[in-house]
Every structure is written in C-alpha cells, then in structure tokens.
C-alpha cells in the first residue's frame, strides 16, 4: 500500500466527510469481542475486561465501508491501540 501524496489524503478526507460528516478522517477503526469458551491451557490470555473469554475481530474501513485491514482471533485482552 503506497502512502500517496497530499492530494490523495485530502480527497480521502473529503469523501469521508461527505458520507459520514466526520471532519479530518480517512478511515474508521472497529473492534468486536466474540464470546467463546475458555481454550484449554490458556490461562487468562483470552479473558477480557467484560469478564468473559473472547477473541477479537479488529477492522479498519474506508469511506466506502470497505475493509482495508482485518484481524481475526487476537486475544480478548488486546485493545484498539494494538490494531495498527
């Protein structure tokens, strides 16, 4: 994936604003806990702050709501700051 030039970033920001009304955004970041049974011999690695075991679905989408990046199965303990 190329970094693009200033015009690309401005165009992406304008598209995002037109569709969502969010200023100065180019992508959205989402994270979803997927409840699961405790894996054998894992300990507390998949135990999340909501007090259940979960895997995570982390995603980054563009203004067209298309996935740019998708990660499935990270520990329930991880946060959005660990996605990128």
PDB file of N, CA and C in Angstrom:
ATOM      1  N   UNK A   1       0.846  -1.176   0.000  1.00  0.00           N
ATOM      2  CA  UNK A   1       0.000   0.000   0.000  1.00  0.00           C
ATOM      3  C   UNK A   1       0.886   1.233   0.000  1.00  0.00           C
ATOM      4  N   UNK A   2       0.684   2.098  -0.975  1.00  0.00           N
ATOM      5  CA  UNK A   2       1.508   3.306  -1.049  1.00  0.00           C
ATOM      6  C   UNK A   2       0.976   4.372  -0.091  1.00  0.00           C
ATOM      7  N   UNK A   3       1.850   5.277   0.284  1.00  0.00           N
ATOM      8  CA  UNK A   3       1.450   6.337   1.202  1.00  0.00           C
ATOM      9  C   UNK A   3       0.702   7.451   0.484  1.00  0.00           C
ATOM     10  N   UNK A   4       0.817   7.553  -0.843  1.00  0.00           N
ATOM     11  CA  UNK A   4       0.108   8.583  -1.598  1.00  0.00           C
ATOM     12  C   UNK A   4       0.695   9.964  -1.390  1.00  0.00           C
ATOM     13  N   UNK A   5       0.090  10.932  -2.052  1.00  0.00           N
ATOM     14  CA  UNK A   5       0.541  12.308  -1.868  1.00  0.00           C
ATOM     15  C   UNK A   5      -0.538  13.108  -1.140  1.00  0.00           C
ATOM     16  N   UNK A   6      -0.289  14.386  -0.953  1.00  0.00           N
ATOM     17  CA  UNK A   6      -1.201  15.243  -0.194  1.00  0.00           C
ATOM     18  C   UNK A   6      -2.599  15.267  -0.819  1.00  0.00           C
ATOM     19  N   UNK A   7      -2.667  15.270  -2.147  1.00  0.00           N
ATOM     20  CA  UNK A   7      -3.965  15.298  -2.833  1.00  0.00           C
ATOM     21  C   UNK A   7      -4.785  14.044  -2.553  1.00  0.00           C
ATOM     22  N   UNK A   8      -4.127  12.892  -2.486  1.00  0.00           N
ATOM     23  CA  UNK A   8      -4.824  11.637  -2.166  1.00  0.00           C
ATOM     24  C   UNK A   8      -5.433  11.696  -0.768  1.00  0.00           C
ATOM     25  N   UNK A   9      -4.653  12.161   0.187  1.00  0.00           N
ATOM     26  CA  UNK A   9      -5.138  12.254   1.569  1.00  0.00           C
ATOM     27  C   UNK A   9      -6.296  13.243   1.676  1.00  0.00           C
ATOM     28  N   UNK A  10      -6.187  14.370   0.980  1.00  0.00           N
ATOM     29  CA  UNK A  10      -7.253  15.371   1.002  1.00  0.00           C
ATOM     30  C   UNK A  10      -8.521  14.814   0.373  1.00  0.00           C
ATOM     31  N   UNK A  11      -8.399  14.114  -0.749  1.00  0.00           N
ATOM     32  CA  UNK A  11      -9.551  13.512  -1.418  1.00  0.00           C
ATOM     33  C   UNK A  11     -10.231  12.489  -0.515  1.00  0.00           C
ATOM     34  N   UNK A  12      -9.437  11.640   0.137  1.00  0.00           N
ATOM     35  CA  UNK A  12      -9.995  10.635   1.044  1.00  0.00           C
ATOM     36  C   UNK A  12     -10.720  11.291   2.218  1.00  0.00           C
ATOM     37  N   UNK A  13     -10.146  12.341   2.754  1.00  0.00           N
ATOM     38  CA  UNK A  13     -10.774  13.065   3.856  1.00  0.00           C
ATOM     39  C   UNK A  13     -12.080  13.713   3.409  1.00  0.00           C
ATOM     40  N   UNK A  14     -12.093  14.295   2.214  1.00  0.00           N
ATOM     41  CA  UNK A  14     -13.317  14.913   1.679  1.00  0.00           C
ATOM     42  C   UNK A  14     -14.415  13.880   1.467  1.00  0.00           C
ATOM     43  N   UNK A  15     -14.059  12.711   0.908  1.00  0.00           N
ATOM     44  CA  UNK A  15     -15.035  11.630   0.709  1.00  0.00           C
ATOM     45  C   UNK A  15     -15.626  11.189   2.045  1.00  0.00           C
ATOM     46  N   UNK A  16     -14.763  11.032   3.016  1.00  0.00           N
ATOM     47  CA  UNK A  16     -15.220  10.590   4.326  1.00  0.00           C
ATOM     48  C   UNK A  16     -16.172  11.612   4.933  1.00  0.00           C
ATOM     49  N   UNK A  17     -15.854  12.889   4.795  1.00  0.00           N
ATOM     50  CA  UNK A  17     -16.713  13.946   5.336  1.00  0.00           C
ATOM     51  C   UNK A  17     -18.076  13.955   4.645  1.00  0.00           C
ATOM     52  N   UNK A  18     -18.095  13.809   3.317  1.00  0.00           N
ATOM     53  CA  UNK A  18     -19.352  13.810   2.561  1.00  0.00           C
ATOM     54  C   UNK A  18     -20.276  12.675   3.003  1.00  0.00           C
ATOM     55  N   UNK A  19     -19.708  11.515   3.297  1.00  0.00           N
ATOM     56  CA  UNK A  19     -20.523  10.339   3.612  1.00  0.00           C
ATOM     57  C   UNK A  19     -20.871  10.205   5.092  1.00  0.00           C
ATOM     58  N   UNK A  20     -20.018  10.716   5.964  1.00  0.00           N
ATOM     59  CA  UNK A  20     -20.217  10.467   7.401  1.00  0.00           C
ATOM     60  C   UNK A  20     -20.351  11.732   8.238  1.00  0.00           C
ATOM     61  N   UNK A  21     -19.970  12.873   7.675  1.00  0.00           N
ATOM     62  CA  UNK A  21     -19.996  14.146   8.399  1.00  0.00           C
ATOM     63  C   UNK A  21     -18.929  14.229   9.497  1.00  0.00           C
ATOM     64  N   UNK A  22     -17.886  13.402   9.398  1.00  0.00           N
ATOM     65  CA  UNK A  22     -16.744  13.488  10.304  1.00  0.00           C
ATOM     66  C   UNK A  22     -15.635  14.263   9.609  1.00  0.00           C
ATOM     67  N   UNK A  23     -15.110  15.275  10.272  1.00  0.00           N
ATOM     68  CA  UNK A  23     -14.070  16.121   9.701  1.00  0.00           C
ATOM     69  C   UNK A  23     -12.701  15.492   9.928  1.00  0.00           C
ATOM     70  N   UNK A  24     -11.813  15.617   8.942  1.00  0.00           N
ATOM     71  CA  UNK A  24     -10.414  15.179   9.035  1.00  0.00           C
ATOM     72  C   UNK A  24     -10.242  13.694   9.333  1.00  0.00           C
ATOM     73  N   UNK A  25     -11.122  12.861   8.821  1.00  0.00           N
ATOM     74  CA  UNK A  25     -10.995  11.401   8.974  1.00  0.00           C
ATOM     75  C   UNK A  25     -10.716  10.779   7.616  1.00  0.00           C
ATOM     76  N   UNK A  26      -9.979   9.680   7.613  1.00  0.00           N
ATOM     77  CA  UNK A  26      -9.757   8.952   6.370  1.00  0.00           C
ATOM     78  C   UNK A  26     -10.141   7.479   6.508  1.00  0.00           C
ATOM     79  N   UNK A  27     -10.218   6.965   7.751  1.00  0.00           N
ATOM     80  CA  UNK A  27     -10.638   5.578   7.996  1.00  0.00           C
ATOM     81  C   UNK A  27     -11.369   5.498   9.332  1.00  0.00           C
ATOM     82  N   UNK A  28     -12.057   4.386   9.538  1.00  0.00           N
ATOM     83  CA  UNK A  28     -12.626   4.101  10.856  1.00  0.00           C
ATOM     84  C   UNK A  28     -11.987   2.826  11.387  1.00  0.00           C
ATOM     85  N   UNK A  29     -11.908   2.720  12.694  1.00  0.00           N
ATOM     86  CA  UNK A  29     -11.344   1.543  13.357  1.00  0.00           C
ATOM     87  C   UNK A  29     -12.423   0.945  14.243  1.00  0.00           C
ATOM     88  N   UNK A  30     -12.671  -0.348  14.081  1.00  0.00           N
ATOM     89  CA  UNK A  30     -13.673  -1.032  14.884  1.00  0.00           C
ATOM     90  C   UNK A  30     -13.065  -2.258  15.539  1.00  0.00           C
ATOM     91  N   UNK A  31     -13.656  -2.636  16.650  1.00  0.00           N
ATOM     92  CA  UNK A  31     -13.210  -3.807  17.385  1.00  0.00           C
ATOM     93  C   UNK A  31     -14.434  -4.475  17.999  1.00  0.00           C
ATOM     94  N   UNK A  32     -14.525  -5.787  17.878  1.00  0.00           N
ATOM     95  CA  UNK A  32     -15.681  -6.523  18.385  1.00  0.00           C
ATOM     96  C   UNK A  32     -15.200  -7.755  19.143  1.00  0.00           C
ATOM     97  N   UNK A  33     -15.723  -7.918  20.381  1.00  0.00           N
ATOM     98  CA  UNK A  33     -15.440  -9.124  21.145  1.00  0.00           C
ATOM     99  C   UNK A  33     -16.352 -10.244  20.662  1.00  0.00           C
ATOM    100  N   UNK A  34     -15.791 -11.404  20.426  1.00  0.00           N
ATOM    101  CA  UNK A  34     -16.577 -12.571  20.040  1.00  0.00           C
ATOM    102  C   UNK A  34     -16.468 -13.574  21.174  1.00  0.00           C
ATOM    103  N   UNK A  35     -17.579 -13.767  21.890  1.00  0.00           N
ATOM    104  CA  UNK A  35     -17.593 -14.637  23.068  1.00  0.00           C
ATOM    105  C   UNK A  35     -17.230 -16.066  22.662  1.00  0.00           C
ATOM    106  N   UNK A  36     -16.440 -16.740  23.515  1.00  0.00           N
ATOM    107  CA  UNK A  36     -16.051 -18.126  23.254  1.00  0.00           C
ATOM    108  C   UNK A  36     -15.829 -18.855  24.563  1.00  0.00           C
ATOM    109  N   UNK A  37     -15.777 -20.172  24.472  1.00  0.00           N
ATOM    110  CA  UNK A  37     -15.416 -20.969  25.645  1.00  0.00           C
ATOM    111  C   UNK A  37     -13.937 -20.811  25.911  1.00  0.00           C
ATOM    112  N   UNK A  38     -13.553 -20.976  27.160  1.00  0.00           N
ATOM    113  CA  UNK A  38     -12.148 -20.858  27.533  1.00  0.00           C
ATOM    114  C   UNK A  38     -11.339 -21.941  26.828  1.00  0.00           C
ATOM    115  N   UNK A  39     -10.343 -21.543  26.038  1.00  0.00           N
ATOM    116  CA  UNK A  39      -9.471 -22.530  25.405  1.00  0.00           C
ATOM    117  C   UNK A  39      -8.674 -23.306  26.462  1.00  0.00           C
ATOM    118  N   UNK A  40      -8.419 -24.580  26.214  1.00  0.00           N
ATOM    119  CA  UNK A  40      -7.647 -25.414  27.150  1.00  0.00           C
ATOM    120  C   UNK A  40      -6.239 -24.863  27.339  1.00  0.00           C
ATOM    121  N   UNK A  41      -5.792 -24.857  28.575  1.00  0.00           N
ATOM    122  CA  UNK A  41      -4.419 -24.487  28.941  1.00  0.00           C
ATOM    123  C   UNK A  41      -4.005 -23.097  28.459  1.00  0.00           C
ATOM    124  N   UNK A  42      -4.919 -22.141  28.446  1.00  0.00           N
ATOM    125  CA  UNK A  42      -4.613 -20.782  28.001  1.00  0.00           C
ATOM    126  C   UNK A  42      -4.415 -19.827  29.171  1.00  0.00           C
ATOM    127  N   UNK A  43      -5.012 -20.134  30.300  1.00  0.00           N
ATOM    128  CA  UNK A  43      -4.941 -19.205  31.424  1.00  0.00           C
ATOM    129  C   UNK A  43      -5.902 -18.054  31.212  1.00  0.00           C
ATOM    130  N   UNK A  44      -5.441 -16.839  31.459  1.00  0.00           N
ATOM    131  CA  UNK A  44      -6.329 -15.681  31.355  1.00  0.00           C
ATOM    132  C   UNK A  44      -6.080 -14.847  30.099  1.00  0.00           C
ATOM    133  N   UNK A  45      -5.321 -15.369  29.151  1.00  0.00           N
ATOM    134  CA  UNK A  45      -4.942 -14.608  27.971  1.00  0.00           C
ATOM    135  C   UNK A  45      -6.162 -14.112  27.174  1.00  0.00           C
ATOM    136  N   UNK A  46      -7.220 -14.891  27.064  1.00  0.00           N
ATOM    137  CA  UNK A  46      -8.400 -14.510  26.299  1.00  0.00           C
ATOM    138  C   UNK A  46      -9.524 -13.977  27.189  1.00  0.00           C
ATOM    139  N   UNK A  47      -9.249 -13.721  28.476  1.00  0.00           N
ATOM    140  CA  UNK A  47     -10.248 -13.196  29.402  1.00  0.00           C
ATOM    141  C   UNK A  47     -10.234 -11.681  29.292  1.00  0.00           C
ATOM    142  N   UNK A  48     -11.361 -11.068  28.932  1.00  0.00           N
ATOM    143  CA  UNK A  48     -11.376  -9.633  28.668  1.00  0.00           C
ATOM    144  C   UNK A  48     -11.912  -8.817  29.846  1.00  0.00           C
ATOM    145  N   UNK A  49     -11.924  -7.516  29.686  1.00  0.00           N
ATOM    146  CA  UNK A  49     -12.377  -6.610  30.748  1.00  0.00           C
ATOM    147  C   UNK A  49     -13.883  -6.703  30.993  1.00  0.00           C
ATOM    148  N   UNK A  50     -14.619  -7.352  30.099  1.00  0.00           N
ATOM    149  CA  UNK A  50     -16.058  -7.530  30.272  1.00  0.00           C
ATOM    150  C   UNK A  50     -16.372  -8.799  31.063  1.00  0.00           C
ATOM    151  N   UNK A  51     -15.334  -9.437  31.563  1.00  0.00           N
ATOM    152  CA  UNK A  51     -15.429 -10.632  32.412  1.00  0.00           C
ATOM    153  C   UNK A  51     -15.947 -11.871  31.697  1.00  0.00           C
ATOM    154  N   UNK A  52     -15.556 -12.067  30.445  1.00  0.00           N
ATOM    155  CA  UNK A  52     -15.798 -13.337  29.759  1.00  0.00           C
ATOM    156  C   UNK A  52     -14.659 -13.584  28.775  1.00  0.00           C
ATOM    157  N   UNK A  53     -14.542 -14.818  28.319  1.00  0.00           N
ATOM    158  CA  UNK A  53     -13.492 -15.171  27.368  1.00  0.00           C
ATOM    159  C   UNK A  53     -13.943 -14.765  25.972  1.00  0.00           C
ATOM    160  N   UNK A  54     -13.029 -14.183  25.202  1.00  0.00           N
ATOM    161  CA  UNK A  54     -13.387 -13.750  23.857  1.00  0.00           C
ATOM    162  C   UNK A  54     -12.163 -13.678  22.957  1.00  0.00           C
ATOM    163  N   UNK A  55     -12.434 -13.813  21.671  1.00  0.00           N
ATOM    164  CA  UNK A  55     -11.461 -13.493  20.642  1.00  0.00           C
ATOM    165  C   UNK A  55     -11.868 -12.139  20.099  1.00  0.00           C
ATOM    166  N   UNK A  56     -11.011 -11.483  19.363  1.00  0.00           N
ATOM    167  CA  UNK A  56     -11.327 -10.155  18.858  1.00  0.00           C
ATOM    168  C   UNK A  56     -11.367 -10.141  17.343  1.00  0.00           C
ATOM    169  N   UNK A  57     -12.259  -9.330  16.828  1.00  0.00           N
ATOM    170  CA  UNK A  57     -12.312  -9.001  15.413  1.00  0.00           C
ATOM    171  C   UNK A  57     -11.977  -7.517  15.343  1.00  0.00           C
ATOM    172  N   UNK A  58     -10.849  -7.179  14.744  1.00  0.00           N
ATOM    173  CA  UNK A  58     -10.417  -5.788  14.603  1.00  0.00           C
ATOM    174  C   UNK A  58     -10.425  -5.431  13.125  1.00  0.00           C
ATOM    175  N   UNK A  59     -10.947  -4.255  12.787  1.00  0.00           N
ATOM    176  CA  UNK A  59     -11.018  -3.884  11.379  1.00  0.00           C
ATOM    177  C   UNK A  59     -10.780  -2.388  11.186  1.00  0.00           C
ATOM    178  N   UNK A  60     -10.328  -2.061   9.984  1.00  0.00           N
ATOM    179  CA  UNK A  60     -10.157  -0.677   9.546  1.00  0.00           C
ATOM    180  C   UNK A  60     -10.903  -0.567   8.218  1.00  0.00           C
ATOM    181  N   UNK A  61     -11.813   0.431   8.106  1.00  0.00           N
ATOM    182  CA  UNK A  61     -12.613   0.612   6.899  1.00  0.00           C
ATOM    183  C   UNK A  61     -12.405   1.996   6.314  1.00  0.00           C
ATOM    184  N   UNK A  62     -12.635   2.089   4.989  1.00  0.00           N
ATOM    185  CA  UNK A  62     -12.528   3.391   4.325  1.00  0.00           C
ATOM    186  C   UNK A  62     -13.904   4.048   4.232  1.00  0.00           C
ATOM    187  N   UNK A  63     -14.011   5.151   3.502  1.00  0.00           N
ATOM    188  CA  UNK A  63     -15.262   5.899   3.397  1.00  0.00           C
ATOM    189  C   UNK A  63     -16.352   5.116   2.676  1.00  0.00           C
ATOM    190  N   UNK A  64     -15.963   4.115   1.874  1.00  0.00           N
ATOM    191  CA  UNK A  64     -16.935   3.263   1.173  1.00  0.00           C
ATOM    192  C   UNK A  64     -17.374   2.081   2.031  1.00  0.00           C
ATOM    193  N   UNK A  65     -16.946   2.050   3.296  1.00  0.00           N
ATOM    194  CA  UNK A  65     -17.233   0.959   4.234  1.00  0.00           C
ATOM    195  C   UNK A  65     -16.652  -0.369   3.754  1.00  0.00           C
ATOM    196  N   UNK A  66     -15.535  -0.304   3.046  1.00  0.00           N
ATOM    197  CA  UNK A  66     -14.807  -1.494   2.608  1.00  0.00           C
ATOM    198  C   UNK A  66     -13.631  -1.707   3.554  1.00  0.00           C
ATOM    199  N   UNK A  67     -13.352  -2.986   3.859  1.00  0.00           N
ATOM    200  CA  UNK A  67     -12.246  -3.300   4.753  1.00  0.00           C
ATOM    201  C   UNK A  67     -10.912  -2.974   4.097  1.00  0.00           C
ATOM    202  N   UNK A  68     -10.072  -2.292   4.836  1.00  0.00           N
ATOM    203  CA  UNK A  68      -8.691  -2.051   4.428  1.00  0.00           C
ATOM    204  C   UNK A  68      -7.796  -3.048   5.141  1.00  0.00           C
ATOM    205  N   UNK A  69      -8.130  -3.318   6.402  1.00  0.00           N
ATOM    206  CA  UNK A  69      -7.365  -4.253   7.219  1.00  0.00           C
ATOM    207  C   UNK A  69      -8.339  -5.014   8.108  1.00  0.00           C
ATOM    208  N   UNK A  70      -8.068  -6.300   8.308  1.00  0.00           N
ATOM    209  CA  UNK A  70      -8.924  -7.136   9.128  1.00  0.00           C
ATOM    210  C   UNK A  70      -8.057  -8.130   9.886  1.00  0.00           C
ATOM    211  N   UNK A  71      -8.282  -8.222  11.185  1.00  0.00           N
ATOM    212  CA  UNK A  71      -7.557  -9.177  12.020  1.00  0.00           C
ATOM    213  C   UNK A  71      -8.588  -9.957  12.829  1.00  0.00           C
ATOM    214  N   UNK A  72      -8.501 -11.262  12.778  1.00  0.00           N
ATOM    215  CA  UNK A  72      -9.446 -12.114  13.497  1.00  0.00           C
ATOM    216  C   UNK A  72      -8.671 -13.004  14.452  1.00  0.00           C
ATOM    217  N   UNK A  73      -9.147 -13.075  15.704  1.00  0.00           N
ATOM    218  CA  UNK A  73      -8.590 -14.046  16.638  1.00  0.00           C
ATOM    219  C   UNK A  73      -7.577 -13.534  17.627  1.00  0.00           C
ATOM    220  N   UNK A  74      -7.364 -12.231  17.690  1.00  0.00           N
ATOM    221  CA  UNK A  74      -6.427 -11.750  18.700  1.00  0.00           C
ATOM    222  C   UNK A  74      -7.041 -11.920  20.087  1.00  0.00           C
ATOM    223  N   UNK A  75      -6.239 -11.821  21.089  1.00  0.00           N
ATOM    224  CA  UNK A  75      -6.693 -12.033  22.468  1.00  0.00           C
ATOM    225  C   UNK A  75      -7.738 -11.008  22.865  1.00  0.00           C
ATOM    226  N   UNK A  76      -8.717 -11.441  23.671  1.00  0.00           N
ATOM    227  CA  UNK A  76      -9.735 -10.545  24.177  1.00  0.00           C
ATOM    228  C   UNK A  76      -9.165  -9.436  25.030  1.00  0.00           C
ATOM    229  N   UNK A  77      -7.948  -9.624  25.486  1.00  0.00           N
ATOM    230  CA  UNK A  77      -7.265  -8.658  26.326  1.00  0.00           C
ATOM    231  C   UNK A  77      -6.727  -7.466  25.554  1.00  0.00           C
ATOM    232  N   UNK A  78      -6.522  -7.624  24.243  1.00  0.00           N
ATOM    233  CA  UNK A  78      -5.904  -6.542  23.455  1.00  0.00           C
ATOM    234  C   UNK A  78      -6.871  -5.385  23.250  1.00  0.00           C
ATOM    235  N   UNK A  79      -6.328  -4.196  22.990  1.00  0.00           N
ATOM    236  CA  UNK A  79      -7.147  -3.003  22.819  1.00  0.00           C
ATOM    237  C   UNK A  79      -7.017  -2.465  21.395  1.00  0.00           C
ATOM    238  N   UNK A  80      -7.822  -1.470  21.064  1.00  0.00           N
ATOM    239  CA  UNK A  80      -7.787  -0.870  19.732  1.00  0.00           C
ATOM    240  C   UNK A  80      -6.420  -0.254  19.434  1.00  0.00           C
ATOM    241  N   UNK A  81      -5.735   0.187  20.452  1.00  0.00           N
ATOM    242  CA  UNK A  81      -4.421   0.793  20.213  1.00  0.00           C
ATOM    243  C   UNK A  81      -3.410  -0.222  19.719  1.00  0.00           C
ATOM    244  N   UNK A  82      -3.718  -1.506  19.827  1.00  0.00           N
ATOM    245  CA  UNK A  82      -2.809  -2.552  19.366  1.00  0.00           C
ATOM    246  C   UNK A  82      -3.101  -2.983  17.939  1.00  0.00           C
ATOM    247  N   UNK A  83      -4.163  -2.466  17.306  1.00  0.00           N
ATOM    248  CA  UNK A  83      -4.579  -2.892  15.978  1.00  0.00           C
ATOM    249  C   UNK A  83      -3.564  -2.504  14.928  1.00  0.00           C
ATOM    250  N   UNK A  84      -3.135  -1.252  14.934  1.00  0.00           N
ATOM    251  CA  UNK A  84      -2.282  -0.752  13.855  1.00  0.00           C
ATOM    252  C   UNK A  84      -0.836  -0.726  14.294  1.00  0.00           C
TER     253      UNK A  84
END
